[in-house]
Amino acid sequence: MVTLRNGKQSYDVAGRADGALKQTRVQSSIPADKENLDPESHIAEEARMDVEDSAADQVCNSHATTPIVKLDAPLDKKRRRPGDQSCEEDNASTTTQEQDRLRHEDHDRPSKHHDAKKKPLERNRKALEIEWDRSQLRDPRLSPERVLLPRRIEFDLTEEEKQFFKGSPAKRPKKKGRLNTVDEDKIFRKEAKKNVAHCFHELYICYEKGPKASPTYDSSGFELDYWKVAEWMSPKPYNKRAMVNGMEKRLKRDSDERSKMAAAFFQGGSAPEGGDGHYAFDLLKDKVSKDLGIAWHKITAAHVEEWARMGLPKEDPCNYVTSTVSKEEKRRFLSLLKGGSLRK
């Protein structure tokens, strides 16, 4: 019963007040009136209080384990929806694929560090120099009297390299019509002297420098003889009969030289039979040259006989047949032969 300000009592208001008071006592863990507590219902009341306490603990634990989401937190830290996991997996796989693609592109793309090491191609001899693969040579020793490394010539280059080393063509004389032989020869010499890859480049340089200038080395790295080059620059006229006679004399002289070399170098005194016999004598001259320390193009029958007098064991002809010559050795002998008669 509630007494109003005017002294009257309102039963409806009193009923609502009593109901609110009872609800508050039920939710509270402490009884509202301990003195009027029924002793018989003490056990039931304690059990009810334990159940309410355990329920309250579960609610507290659930609130403690639930992460607190800030309003300004990023989207990936907010509470996820049921369909968000698959979307995130797709985004993660897409990101991984993109990273792999970029990593492969960076791997394939040359870095600035490697680009800085690559020097542009220059029009000089050093850009054309090569070295033989000595693992493919039966005698890997260096060639005596060779000063520079051998270089490639025009026939060993690609079309782009040929155009690069050739450069712009020489200027034609201010004449109308067809050029004569003298003008064509002048243009040819100018282009040969300018083109480092030209097969006659060193010959024209040597001839232009003169006999008292610094030494000039040919494409194989050996020093040129100026007087031999000068004689080559001014050839003598020959008729057909003189040419044939000169060839016959040269062939006879070479045959005699080879016979003497084979007798002094090979076991049994004879060169290997079959195939191209000139490779056998190229190998013969190469071994004698390195044993005596004399240039390959200078070896004659007299040098081979000197080698035999040193007491060195003679070689088996079977080891000097053409089938035993490697491709690298053939390339090297071809380089040694080019211009050998114009060297010192």
Foldseek 3Di string as FASTA:
>chain_A
DDQDPVRDDDPVVVVVVVVVVVVVQLLDLDHPDPVPDDPVCPVVSVVSSVVSVVVVVVVVVVVVPDDDDDPPDDPVPDDDDPPVVVVVVVVVVVVVVVVVVVVVVVVPDDDPVVVVVDDDQDLDQVSFFDDFPLVQPPDSDDFFQFADGAGAAPVPDDPVVNPVLQDDFDDQPPDPDDDDPVRVVVSVLVSLCSRNRHQCNQLSVLQVQDQPDDWTAHNRRHTFHNVLSVDVVPDDDDDPVRVVVVVVVVVVVVVVFVQLLQQLAAVVSDADDDDDRVQLVLVSLRVLCVVVSHGSLPDTSVSSNVVSVVVDDHDYNVCRDPVNRDPSNVVSSVSCPPPSVRGD
